[in-house]
PDB file of N, CA and C in Angstrom:
ATOM      1  N   UNK A   1       0.843  -1.163   0.000  1.00  0.00           N
ATOM      2  CA  UNK A   1       0.000   0.000   0.000  1.00  0.00           C
ATOM      3  C   UNK A   1       0.896   1.236   0.000  1.00  0.00           C
ATOM      4  N   UNK A   2       0.465   2.273  -0.718  1.00  0.00           N
ATOM      5  CA  UNK A   2       1.231   3.502  -0.809  1.00  0.00           C
ATOM      6  C   UNK A   2       0.292   4.674  -0.610  1.00  0.00           C
ATOM      7  N   UNK A   3       0.712   5.627   0.196  1.00  0.00           N
ATOM      8  CA  UNK A   3      -0.079   6.837   0.398  1.00  0.00           C
ATOM      9  C   UNK A   3       0.040   7.725  -0.845  1.00  0.00           C
ATOM     10  N   UNK A   4      -0.960   8.531  -1.119  1.00  0.00           N
ATOM     11  CA  UNK A   4      -0.882   9.416  -2.283  1.00  0.00           C
ATOM     12  C   UNK A   4       0.351  10.313  -2.230  1.00  0.00           C
ATOM     13  N   UNK A   5       1.049  10.439  -3.349  1.00  0.00           N
ATOM     14  CA  UNK A   5       2.238  11.268  -3.518  1.00  0.00           C
ATOM     15  C   UNK A   5       3.429  10.821  -2.669  1.00  0.00           C
ATOM     16  N   UNK A   6       3.383   9.643  -2.125  1.00  0.00           N
ATOM     17  CA  UNK A   6       4.483   9.121  -1.324  1.00  0.00           C
ATOM     18  C   UNK A   6       5.359   8.205  -2.168  1.00  0.00           C
ATOM     19  N   UNK A   7       6.645   8.210  -1.896  1.00  0.00           N
ATOM     20  CA  UNK A   7       7.570   7.328  -2.602  1.00  0.00           C
ATOM     21  C   UNK A   7       7.752   5.992  -1.881  1.00  0.00           C
ATOM     22  N   UNK A   8       7.239   5.885  -0.659  1.00  0.00           N
ATOM     23  CA  UNK A   8       7.394   4.672   0.132  1.00  0.00           C
ATOM     24  C   UNK A   8       6.165   3.778   0.016  1.00  0.00           C
ATOM     25  N   UNK A   9       6.417   2.491   0.116  1.00  0.00           N
ATOM     26  CA  UNK A   9       5.362   1.486   0.144  1.00  0.00           C
ATOM     27  C   UNK A   9       5.396   0.793   1.500  1.00  0.00           C
ATOM     28  N   UNK A  10       4.242   0.525   2.063  1.00  0.00           N
ATOM     29  CA  UNK A  10       4.111  -0.240   3.299  1.00  0.00           C
ATOM     30  C   UNK A  10       3.634  -1.636   2.922  1.00  0.00           C
ATOM     31  N   UNK A  11       4.440  -2.643   3.225  1.00  0.00           N
ATOM     32  CA  UNK A  11       4.134  -4.023   2.848  1.00  0.00           C
ATOM     33  C   UNK A  11       3.888  -4.834   4.114  1.00  0.00           C
ATOM     34  N   UNK A  12       2.686  -5.396   4.221  1.00  0.00           N
ATOM     35  CA  UNK A  12       2.355  -6.256   5.357  1.00  0.00           C
ATOM     36  C   UNK A  12       2.979  -7.626   5.141  1.00  0.00           C
ATOM     37  N   UNK A  13       3.650  -8.129   6.175  1.00  0.00           N
ATOM     38  CA  UNK A  13       4.291  -9.444   6.108  1.00  0.00           C
ATOM     39  C   UNK A  13       3.948 -10.232   7.356  1.00  0.00           C
ATOM     40  N   UNK A  14       3.839 -11.542   7.199  1.00  0.00           N
ATOM     41  CA  UNK A  14       3.650 -12.450   8.316  1.00  0.00           C
ATOM     42  C   UNK A  14       4.816 -13.431   8.281  1.00  0.00           C
ATOM     43  N   UNK A  15       5.643 -13.380   9.315  1.00  0.00           N
ATOM     44  CA  UNK A  15       6.829 -14.230   9.380  1.00  0.00           C
ATOM     45  C   UNK A  15       6.729 -15.095  10.630  1.00  0.00           C
ATOM     46  N   UNK A  16       6.518 -16.391  10.427  1.00  0.00           N
ATOM     47  CA  UNK A  16       6.376 -17.338  11.545  1.00  0.00           C
ATOM     48  C   UNK A  16       5.351 -16.855  12.570  1.00  0.00           C
ATOM     49  N   UNK A  17       4.252 -16.303  12.097  1.00  0.00           N
ATOM     50  CA  UNK A  17       3.193 -15.849  12.989  1.00  0.00           C
ATOM     51  C   UNK A  17       3.392 -14.446  13.532  1.00  0.00           C
ATOM     52  N   UNK A  18       4.509 -13.800  13.243  1.00  0.00           N
ATOM     53  CA  UNK A  18       4.746 -12.419  13.667  1.00  0.00           C
ATOM     54  C   UNK A  18       4.370 -11.478  12.534  1.00  0.00           C
ATOM     55  N   UNK A  19       3.709 -10.387  12.881  1.00  0.00           N
ATOM     56  CA  UNK A  19       3.232  -9.436  11.888  1.00  0.00           C
ATOM     57  C   UNK A  19       4.218  -8.272  11.768  1.00  0.00           C
ATOM     58  N   UNK A  20       4.572  -7.933  10.531  1.00  0.00           N
ATOM     59  CA  UNK A  20       5.485  -6.828  10.249  1.00  0.00           C
ATOM     60  C   UNK A  20       4.879  -5.925   9.194  1.00  0.00           C
ATOM     61  N   UNK A  21       5.249  -4.660   9.254  1.00  0.00           N
ATOM     62  CA  UNK A  21       4.991  -3.716   8.174  1.00  0.00           C
ATOM     63  C   UNK A  21       6.372  -3.244   7.729  1.00  0.00           C
ATOM     64  N   UNK A  22       6.750  -3.606   6.511  1.00  0.00           N
ATOM     65  CA  UNK A  22       8.055  -3.246   5.970  1.00  0.00           C
ATOM     66  C   UNK A  22       7.885  -2.037   5.066  1.00  0.00           C
ATOM     67  N   UNK A  23       8.610  -0.971   5.351  1.00  0.00           N
ATOM     68  CA  UNK A  23       8.577   0.239   4.523  1.00  0.00           C
ATOM     69  C   UNK A  23       9.729   0.172   3.532  1.00  0.00           C
ATOM     70  N   UNK A  24       9.392   0.209   2.249  1.00  0.00           N
ATOM     71  CA  UNK A  24      10.408   0.158   1.199  1.00  0.00           C
ATOM     72  C   UNK A  24      10.221   1.340   0.258  1.00  0.00           C
ATOM     73  N   UNK A  25      11.296   1.648  -0.443  1.00  0.00           N
ATOM     74  CA  UNK A  25      11.252   2.701  -1.447  1.00  0.00           C
ATOM     75  C   UNK A  25      12.042   2.251  -2.658  1.00  0.00           C
ATOM     76  N   UNK A  26      11.475   2.478  -3.831  1.00  0.00           N
ATOM     77  CA  UNK A  26      12.142   2.177  -5.082  1.00  0.00           C
ATOM     78  C   UNK A  26      12.793   3.460  -5.588  1.00  0.00           C
ATOM     79  N   UNK A  27      14.055   3.337  -6.017  1.00  0.00           N
ATOM     80  CA  UNK A  27      14.758   4.505  -6.528  1.00  0.00           C
ATOM     81  C   UNK A  27      15.816   4.063  -7.527  1.00  0.00           C
ATOM     82  N   UNK A  28      15.705   4.528  -8.736  1.00  0.00           N
ATOM     83  CA  UNK A  28      16.679   4.237  -9.794  1.00  0.00           C
ATOM     84  C   UNK A  28      16.972   2.747  -9.913  1.00  0.00           C
ATOM     85  N   UNK A  29      15.920   1.960 -10.098  1.00  0.00           N
ATOM     86  CA  UNK A  29      15.996   0.509 -10.291  1.00  0.00           C
ATOM     87  C   UNK A  29      16.561  -0.238  -9.085  1.00  0.00           C
ATOM     88  N   UNK A  30      16.502   0.354  -7.914  1.00  0.00           N
ATOM     89  CA  UNK A  30      16.923  -0.303  -6.685  1.00  0.00           C
ATOM     90  C   UNK A  30      15.787  -0.226  -5.678  1.00  0.00           C
ATOM     91  N   UNK A  31      15.822  -1.126  -4.710  1.00  0.00           N
ATOM     92  CA  UNK A  31      14.815  -1.118  -3.650  1.00  0.00           C
ATOM     93  C   UNK A  31      15.542  -0.957  -2.319  1.00  0.00           C
ATOM     94  N   UNK A  32      15.037  -0.075  -1.497  1.00  0.00           N
ATOM     95  CA  UNK A  32      15.634   0.207  -0.198  1.00  0.00           C
ATOM     96  C   UNK A  32      14.633  -0.130   0.898  1.00  0.00           C
ATOM     97  N   UNK A  33      15.069  -0.872   1.901  1.00  0.00           N
ATOM     98  CA  UNK A  33      14.253  -1.137   3.081  1.00  0.00           C
ATOM     99  C   UNK A  33      14.547  -0.016   4.076  1.00  0.00           C
ATOM    100  N   UNK A  34      13.539   0.780   4.380  1.00  0.00           N
ATOM    101  CA  UNK A  34      13.731   1.959   5.218  1.00  0.00           C
ATOM    102  C   UNK A  34      13.577   1.655   6.704  1.00  0.00           C
ATOM    103  N   UNK A  35      12.537   0.930   7.028  1.00  0.00           N
ATOM    104  CA  UNK A  35      12.279   0.551   8.410  1.00  0.00           C
ATOM    105  C   UNK A  35      11.233  -0.546   8.426  1.00  0.00           C
ATOM    106  N   UNK A  36      11.108  -1.180   9.571  1.00  0.00           N
ATOM    107  CA  UNK A  36      10.084  -2.204   9.751  1.00  0.00           C
ATOM    108  C   UNK A  36       9.451  -2.003  11.124  1.00  0.00           C
ATOM    109  N   UNK A  37       8.181  -2.330  11.194  1.00  0.00           N
ATOM    110  CA  UNK A  37       7.458  -2.272  12.459  1.00  0.00           C
ATOM    111  C   UNK A  37       6.850  -3.642  12.695  1.00  0.00           C
ATOM    112  N   UNK A  38       7.124  -4.207  13.859  1.00  0.00           N
ATOM    113  CA  UNK A  38       6.465  -5.456  14.247  1.00  0.00           C
ATOM    114  C   UNK A  38       5.306  -5.081  15.153  1.00  0.00           C
ATOM    115  N   UNK A  39       4.164  -5.719  14.962  1.00  0.00           N
ATOM    116  CA  UNK A  39       3.024  -5.427  15.826  1.00  0.00           C
ATOM    117  C   UNK A  39       2.384  -6.714  16.304  1.00  0.00           C
ATOM    118  N   UNK A  40       1.728  -6.610  17.452  1.00  0.00           N
ATOM    119  CA  UNK A  40       1.013  -7.747  18.013  1.00  0.00           C
ATOM    120  C   UNK A  40      -0.155  -7.214  18.840  1.00  0.00           C
ATOM    121  N   UNK A  41      -1.118  -8.081  19.049  1.00  0.00           N
ATOM    122  CA  UNK A  41      -2.310  -7.705  19.815  1.00  0.00           C
ATOM    123  C   UNK A  41      -1.967  -7.614  21.295  1.00  0.00           C
ATOM    124  N   UNK A  42      -2.407  -6.523  21.913  1.00  0.00           N
ATOM    125  CA  UNK A  42      -2.200  -6.319  23.341  1.00  0.00           C
ATOM    126  C   UNK A  42      -3.364  -5.471  23.846  1.00  0.00           C
ATOM    127  N   UNK A  43      -4.267  -6.093  24.596  1.00  0.00           N
ATOM    128  CA  UNK A  43      -5.465  -5.403  25.066  1.00  0.00           C
ATOM    129  C   UNK A  43      -5.138  -4.270  26.029  1.00  0.00           C
ATOM    130  N   UNK A  44      -3.939  -4.260  26.606  1.00  0.00           N
ATOM    131  CA  UNK A  44      -3.556  -3.226  27.558  1.00  0.00           C
ATOM    132  C   UNK A  44      -3.074  -1.941  26.885  1.00  0.00           C
ATOM    133  N   UNK A  45      -2.920  -1.959  25.571  1.00  0.00           N
ATOM    134  CA  UNK A  45      -2.431  -0.796  24.825  1.00  0.00           C
ATOM    135  C   UNK A  45      -3.587  -0.082  24.133  1.00  0.00           C
ATOM    136  N   UNK A  46      -3.460   1.231  23.923  1.00  0.00           N
ATOM    137  CA  UNK A  46      -4.493   1.946  23.155  1.00  0.00           C
ATOM    138  C   UNK A  46      -4.624   1.351  21.753  1.00  0.00           C
ATOM    139  N   UNK A  47      -5.824   1.099  21.318  1.00  0.00           N
ATOM    140  CA  UNK A  47      -6.059   0.497  20.010  1.00  0.00           C
ATOM    141  C   UNK A  47      -5.890  -1.008  20.001  1.00  0.00           C
ATOM    142  N   UNK A  48      -5.494  -1.587  21.119  1.00  0.00           N
ATOM    143  CA  UNK A  48      -5.372  -3.038  21.222  1.00  0.00           C
ATOM    144  C   UNK A  48      -4.150  -3.634  20.534  1.00  0.00           C
ATOM    145  N   UNK A  49      -3.185  -2.790  20.142  1.00  0.00           N
ATOM    146  CA  UNK A  49      -1.967  -3.285  19.496  1.00  0.00           C
ATOM    147  C   UNK A  49      -0.744  -2.641  20.124  1.00  0.00           C
ATOM    148  N   UNK A  50       0.353  -3.378  20.078  1.00  0.00           N
ATOM    149  CA  UNK A  50       1.635  -2.859  20.533  1.00  0.00           C
ATOM    150  C   UNK A  50       2.600  -2.936  19.358  1.00  0.00           C
ATOM    151  N   UNK A  51       3.562  -2.002  19.289  1.00  0.00           N
ATOM    152  CA  UNK A  51       4.452  -1.895  18.144  1.00  0.00           C
ATOM    153  C   UNK A  51       5.907  -1.842  18.572  1.00  0.00           C
ATOM    154  N   UNK A  52       6.769  -2.306  17.666  1.00  0.00           N
ATOM    155  CA  UNK A  52       8.220  -2.192  17.870  1.00  0.00           C
ATOM    156  C   UNK A  52       8.852  -1.800  16.540  1.00  0.00           C
ATOM    157  N   UNK A  53       9.656  -0.750  16.561  1.00  0.00           N
ATOM    158  CA  UNK A  53      10.299  -0.233  15.360  1.00  0.00           C
ATOM    159  C   UNK A  53      11.676  -0.858  15.196  1.00  0.00           C
ATOM    160  N   UNK A  54      11.990  -1.284  13.966  1.00  0.00           N
ATOM    161  CA  UNK A  54      13.310  -1.821  13.639  1.00  0.00           C
ATOM    162  C   UNK A  54      13.955  -0.948  12.581  1.00  0.00           C
ATOM    163  N   UNK A  55      15.178  -0.501  12.872  1.00  0.00           N
ATOM    164  CA  UNK A  55      15.938   0.275  11.901  1.00  0.00           C
ATOM    165  C   UNK A  55      17.267  -0.404  11.579  1.00  0.00           C
ATOM    166  N   UNK A  56      17.546  -1.520  12.254  1.00  0.00           N
ATOM    167  CA  UNK A  56      18.813  -2.235  12.048  1.00  0.00           C
ATOM    168  C   UNK A  56      18.869  -2.842  10.658  1.00  0.00           C
ATOM    169  N   UNK A  57      19.999  -2.677  10.016  1.00  0.00           N
ATOM    170  CA  UNK A  57      20.114  -3.158   8.640  1.00  0.00           C
ATOM    171  C   UNK A  57      20.006  -4.676   8.532  1.00  0.00           C
ATOM    172  N   UNK A  58      20.425  -5.431   9.542  1.00  0.00           N
ATOM    173  CA  UNK A  58      20.355  -6.892   9.456  1.00  0.00           C
ATOM    174  C   UNK A  58      18.911  -7.377   9.390  1.00  0.00           C
ATOM    175  N   UNK A  59      18.069  -6.851  10.247  1.00  0.00           N
ATOM    176  CA  UNK A  59      16.667  -7.266  10.261  1.00  0.00           C
ATOM    177  C   UNK A  59      15.960  -6.782   8.996  1.00  0.00           C
ATOM    178  N   UNK A  60      16.229  -5.549   8.592  1.00  0.00           N
ATOM    179  CA  UNK A  60      15.623  -5.025   7.366  1.00  0.00           C
ATOM    180  C   UNK A  60      16.046  -5.839   6.154  1.00  0.00           C
ATOM    181  N   UNK A  61      17.322  -6.189   6.088  1.00  0.00           N
ATOM    182  CA  UNK A  61      17.817  -6.996   4.965  1.00  0.00           C
ATOM    183  C   UNK A  61      17.156  -8.367   4.940  1.00  0.00           C
ATOM    184  N   UNK A  62      17.021  -8.989   6.110  1.00  0.00           N
ATOM    185  CA  UNK A  62      16.405 -10.316   6.172  1.00  0.00           C
ATOM    186  C   UNK A  62      14.944 -10.264   5.715  1.00  0.00           C
ATOM    187  N   UNK A  63      14.213  -9.248   6.160  1.00  0.00           N
ATOM    188  CA  UNK A  63      12.816  -9.116   5.730  1.00  0.00           C
ATOM    189  C   UNK A  63      12.722  -8.847   4.231  1.00  0.00           C
ATOM    190  N   UNK A  64      13.609  -8.022   3.708  1.00  0.00           N
ATOM    191  CA  UNK A  64      13.594  -7.713   2.284  1.00  0.00           C
ATOM    192  C   UNK A  64      13.929  -8.944   1.451  1.00  0.00           C
ATOM    193  N   UNK A  65      14.917  -9.711   1.885  1.00  0.00           N
ATOM    194  CA  UNK A  65      15.267 -10.944   1.176  1.00  0.00           C
ATOM    195  C   UNK A  65      14.107 -11.928   1.204  1.00  0.00           C
ATOM    196  N   UNK A  66      13.459 -12.043   2.353  1.00  0.00           N
ATOM    197  CA  UNK A  66      12.302 -12.939   2.461  1.00  0.00           C
ATOM    198  C   UNK A  66      11.185 -12.492   1.527  1.00  0.00           C
ATOM    199  N   UNK A  67      10.942 -11.199   1.451  1.00  0.00           N
ATOM    200  CA  UNK A  67       9.916 -10.666   0.554  1.00  0.00           C
ATOM    201  C   UNK A  67      10.260 -10.973  -0.902  1.00  0.00           C
ATOM    202  N   UNK A  68      11.479 -10.721  -1.299  1.00  0.00           N
ATOM    203  CA  UNK A  68      11.901 -10.977  -2.680  1.00  0.00           C
ATOM    204  C   UNK A  68      11.834 -12.468  -2.987  1.00  0.00           C
ATOM    205  N   UNK A  69      12.235 -13.288  -2.031  1.00  0.00           N
ATOM    206  CA  UNK A  69      12.234 -14.738  -2.232  1.00  0.00           C
ATOM    207  C   UNK A  69      10.822 -15.268  -2.484  1.00  0.00           C
ATOM    208  N   UNK A  70       9.819 -14.627  -1.890  1.00  0.00           N
ATOM    209  CA  UNK A  70       8.436 -15.070  -2.087  1.00  0.00           C
ATOM    210  C   UNK A  70       8.003 -14.950  -3.539  1.00  0.00           C
ATOM    211  N   UNK A  71       8.625 -14.059  -4.285  1.00  0.00           N
ATOM    212  CA  UNK A  71       8.255 -13.845  -5.680  1.00  0.00           C
ATOM    213  C   UNK A  71       9.245 -14.475  -6.645  1.00  0.00           C
ATOM    214  N   UNK A  72      10.067 -15.380  -6.134  1.00  0.00           N
ATOM    215  CA  UNK A  72      11.029 -16.085  -6.974  1.00  0.00           C
ATOM    216  C   UNK A  72      10.256 -16.904  -8.003  1.00  0.00           C
ATOM    217  N   UNK A  73      10.753 -17.006  -9.228  1.00  0.00           N
ATOM    218  CA  UNK A  73       9.978 -17.684 -10.277  1.00  0.00           C
ATOM    219  C   UNK A  73       9.817 -19.192 -10.109  1.00  0.00           C
ATOM    220  N   UNK A  74      10.464 -19.781  -9.132  1.00  0.00           N
ATOM    221  CA  UNK A  74      10.320 -21.225  -8.941  1.00  0.00           C
ATOM    222  C   UNK A  74       8.873 -21.557  -8.614  1.00  0.00           C
ATOM    223  N   UNK A  75       8.373 -22.638  -9.188  1.00  0.00           N
ATOM    224  CA  UNK A  75       6.995 -23.048  -8.925  1.00  0.00           C
ATOM    225  C   UNK A  75       6.850 -23.690  -7.555  1.00  0.00           C
ATOM    226  N   UNK A  76       7.860 -24.413  -7.137  1.00  0.00           N
ATOM    227  CA  UNK A  76       7.777 -25.127  -5.874  1.00  0.00           C
ATOM    228  C   UNK A  76       8.504 -24.362  -4.791  1.00  0.00           C
ATOM    229  N   UNK A  77       7.867 -24.263  -3.625  1.00  0.00           N
ATOM    230  CA  UNK A  77       8.522 -23.659  -2.468  1.00  0.00           C
ATOM    231  C   UNK A  77       9.361 -24.742  -1.804  1.00  0.00           C
ATOM    232  N   UNK A  78      10.451 -24.348  -1.186  1.00  0.00           N
ATOM    233  CA  UNK A  78      11.299 -25.343  -0.526  1.00  0.00           C
ATOM    234  C   UNK A  78      11.722 -24.857   0.854  1.00  0.00           C
ATOM    235  N   UNK A  79      12.539 -25.613   1.524  1.00  0.00           N
ATOM    236  CA  UNK A  79      12.862 -25.369   2.927  1.00  0.00           C
ATOM    237  C   UNK A  79      13.582 -24.053   3.181  1.00  0.00           C
ATOM    238  N   UNK A  80      14.140 -23.435   2.172  1.00  0.00           N
ATOM    239  CA  UNK A  80      14.825 -22.161   2.386  1.00  0.00           C
ATOM    240  C   UNK A  80      13.873 -21.109   2.932  1.00  0.00           C
ATOM    241  N   UNK A  81      12.597 -21.200   2.600  1.00  0.00           N
ATOM    242  CA  UNK A  81      11.630 -20.236   3.115  1.00  0.00           C
ATOM    243  C   UNK A  81      11.597 -20.262   4.641  1.00  0.00           C
ATOM    244  N   UNK A  82      11.580 -21.432   5.224  1.00  0.00           N
ATOM    245  CA  UNK A  82      11.571 -21.544   6.682  1.00  0.00           C
ATOM    246  C   UNK A  82      12.887 -21.060   7.267  1.00  0.00           C
ATOM    247  N   UNK A  83      13.997 -21.346   6.599  1.00  0.00           N
ATOM    248  CA  UNK A  83      15.296 -20.888   7.079  1.00  0.00           C
ATOM    249  C   UNK A  83      15.357 -19.362   7.088  1.00  0.00           C
ATOM    250  N   UNK A  84      14.843 -18.728   6.043  1.00  0.00           N
ATOM    251  CA  UNK A  84      14.849 -17.269   5.961  1.00  0.00           C
ATOM    252  C   UNK A  84      13.958 -16.652   7.026  1.00  0.00           C
ATOM    253  N   UNK A  85      12.773 -17.208   7.227  1.00  0.00           N
ATOM    254  CA  UNK A  85      11.873 -16.637   8.222  1.00  0.00           C
ATOM    255  C   UNK A  85      12.414 -16.853   9.631  1.00  0.00           C
ATOM    256  N   UNK A  86      13.083 -17.960   9.874  1.00  0.00           N
ATOM    257  CA  UNK A  86      13.685 -18.189  11.185  1.00  0.00           C
ATOM    258  C   UNK A  86      14.822 -17.208  11.428  1.00  0.00           C
ATOM    259  N   UNK A  87      15.509 -16.788  10.372  1.00  0.00           N
ATOM    260  CA  UNK A  87      16.586 -15.818  10.492  1.00  0.00           C
ATOM    261  C   UNK A  87      16.073 -14.508  11.079  1.00  0.00           C
ATOM    262  N   UNK A  88      14.901 -14.061  10.666  1.00  0.00           N
ATOM    263  CA  UNK A  88      14.331 -12.832  11.206  1.00  0.00           C
ATOM    264  C   UNK A  88      14.111 -12.975  12.713  1.00  0.00           C
ATOM    265  N   UNK A  89      13.547 -14.087  13.130  1.00  0.00           N
ATOM    266  CA  UNK A  89      13.290 -14.324  14.554  1.00  0.00           C
ATOM    267  C   UNK A  89      14.610 -14.372  15.324  1.00  0.00           C
ATOM    268  N   UNK A  90      15.615 -15.037  14.773  1.00  0.00           N
ATOM    269  CA  UNK A  90      16.925 -15.119  15.429  1.00  0.00           C
ATOM    270  C   UNK A  90      17.571 -13.748  15.563  1.00  0.00           C
ATOM    271  N   UNK A  91      17.476 -12.924  14.521  1.00  0.00           N
ATOM    272  CA  UNK A  91      18.053 -11.586  14.575  1.00  0.00           C
ATOM    273  C   UNK A  91      17.360 -10.724  15.623  1.00  0.00           C
ATOM    274  N   UNK A  92      16.051 -10.871  15.761  1.00  0.00           N
ATOM    275  CA  UNK A  92      15.336 -10.133  16.804  1.00  0.00           C
ATOM    276  C   UNK A  92      15.831 -10.535  18.181  1.00  0.00           C
ATOM    277  N   UNK A  93      16.065 -11.824  18.376  1.00  0.00           N
ATOM    278  CA  UNK A  93      16.545 -12.299  19.668  1.00  0.00           C
ATOM    279  C   UNK A  93      17.923 -11.727  19.973  1.00  0.00           C
ATOM    280  N   UNK A  94      18.799 -11.671  18.986  1.00  0.00           N
ATOM    281  CA  UNK A  94      20.129 -11.091  19.168  1.00  0.00           C
ATOM    282  C   UNK A  94      20.001  -9.622  19.545  1.00  0.00           C
ATOM    283  N   UNK A  95      19.116  -8.894  18.868  1.00  0.00           N
ATOM    284  CA  UNK A  95      18.910  -7.480  19.183  1.00  0.00           C
ATOM    285  C   UNK A  95      18.411  -7.313  20.612  1.00  0.00           C
ATOM    286  N   UNK A  96      17.465  -8.149  21.040  1.00  0.00           N
ATOM    287  CA  UNK A  96      16.959  -8.085  22.407  1.00  0.00           C
ATOM    288  C   UNK A  96      18.076  -8.339  23.419  1.00  0.00           C
ATOM    289  N   UNK A  97      18.908  -9.354  23.154  1.00  0.00           N
ATOM    290  CA  UNK A  97      20.014  -9.680  24.059  1.00  0.00           C
ATOM    291  C   UNK A  97      21.007  -8.534  24.140  1.00  0.00           C
ATOM    292  N   UNK A  98      21.330  -7.912  23.002  1.00  0.00           N
ATOM    293  CA  UNK A  98      22.289  -6.821  22.976  1.00  0.00           C
ATOM    294  C   UNK A  98      21.752  -5.590  23.710  1.00  0.00           C
ATOM    295  N   UNK A  99      20.459  -5.313  23.578  1.00  0.00           N
ATOM    296  CA  UNK A  99      19.891  -4.148  24.260  1.00  0.00           C
ATOM    297  C   UNK A  99      19.849  -4.378  25.766  1.00  0.00           C
ATOM    298  N   UNK A 100      19.628  -5.621  26.214  1.00  0.00           N
ATOM    299  CA  UNK A 100      19.648  -5.910  27.643  1.00  0.00           C
ATOM    300  C   UNK A 100      21.049  -5.734  28.210  1.00  0.00           C
ATOM    301  N   UNK A 101      22.083  -6.116  27.461  1.00  0.00           N
ATOM    302  CA  UNK A 101      23.462  -5.946  27.920  1.00  0.00           C
ATOM    303  C   UNK A 101      23.842  -4.473  28.011  1.00  0.00           C
ATOM    304  N   UNK A 102      23.296  -3.652  27.138  1.00  0.00           N
ATOM    305  CA  UNK A 102      23.637  -2.236  27.122  1.00  0.00           C
ATOM    306  C   UNK A 102      23.013  -1.483  28.298  1.00  0.00           C
ATOM    307  N   UNK A 103      21.954  -2.022  28.855  1.00  0.00           N
ATOM    308  CA  UNK A 103      21.266  -1.336  29.958  1.00  0.00           C
ATOM    309  C   UNK A 103      21.940  -1.512  31.256  1.00  0.00           C
TER     310      UNK A 103
END
């Protein structure tokens, strides 16, 4: 989805049951992952959802690769899809561990 007159696209993704909104921009035959937001249902939050913003290039790259891989011309899906989606979850865990150490 793209807002009127905006150069960015918001792409909804579901990775191993986790919901993401990946913001991408196309520029001169290239695609850039700008940021990603993970969201989940939380009745204690306004609107019933909670959000987490990702700006780290590793997580953005993994989500972008997973998105591109979904449109690969191969007719049959194979185990690499699960490996790629697990990579996103693993990278989030590393980020969580690193932020806890920094505190």
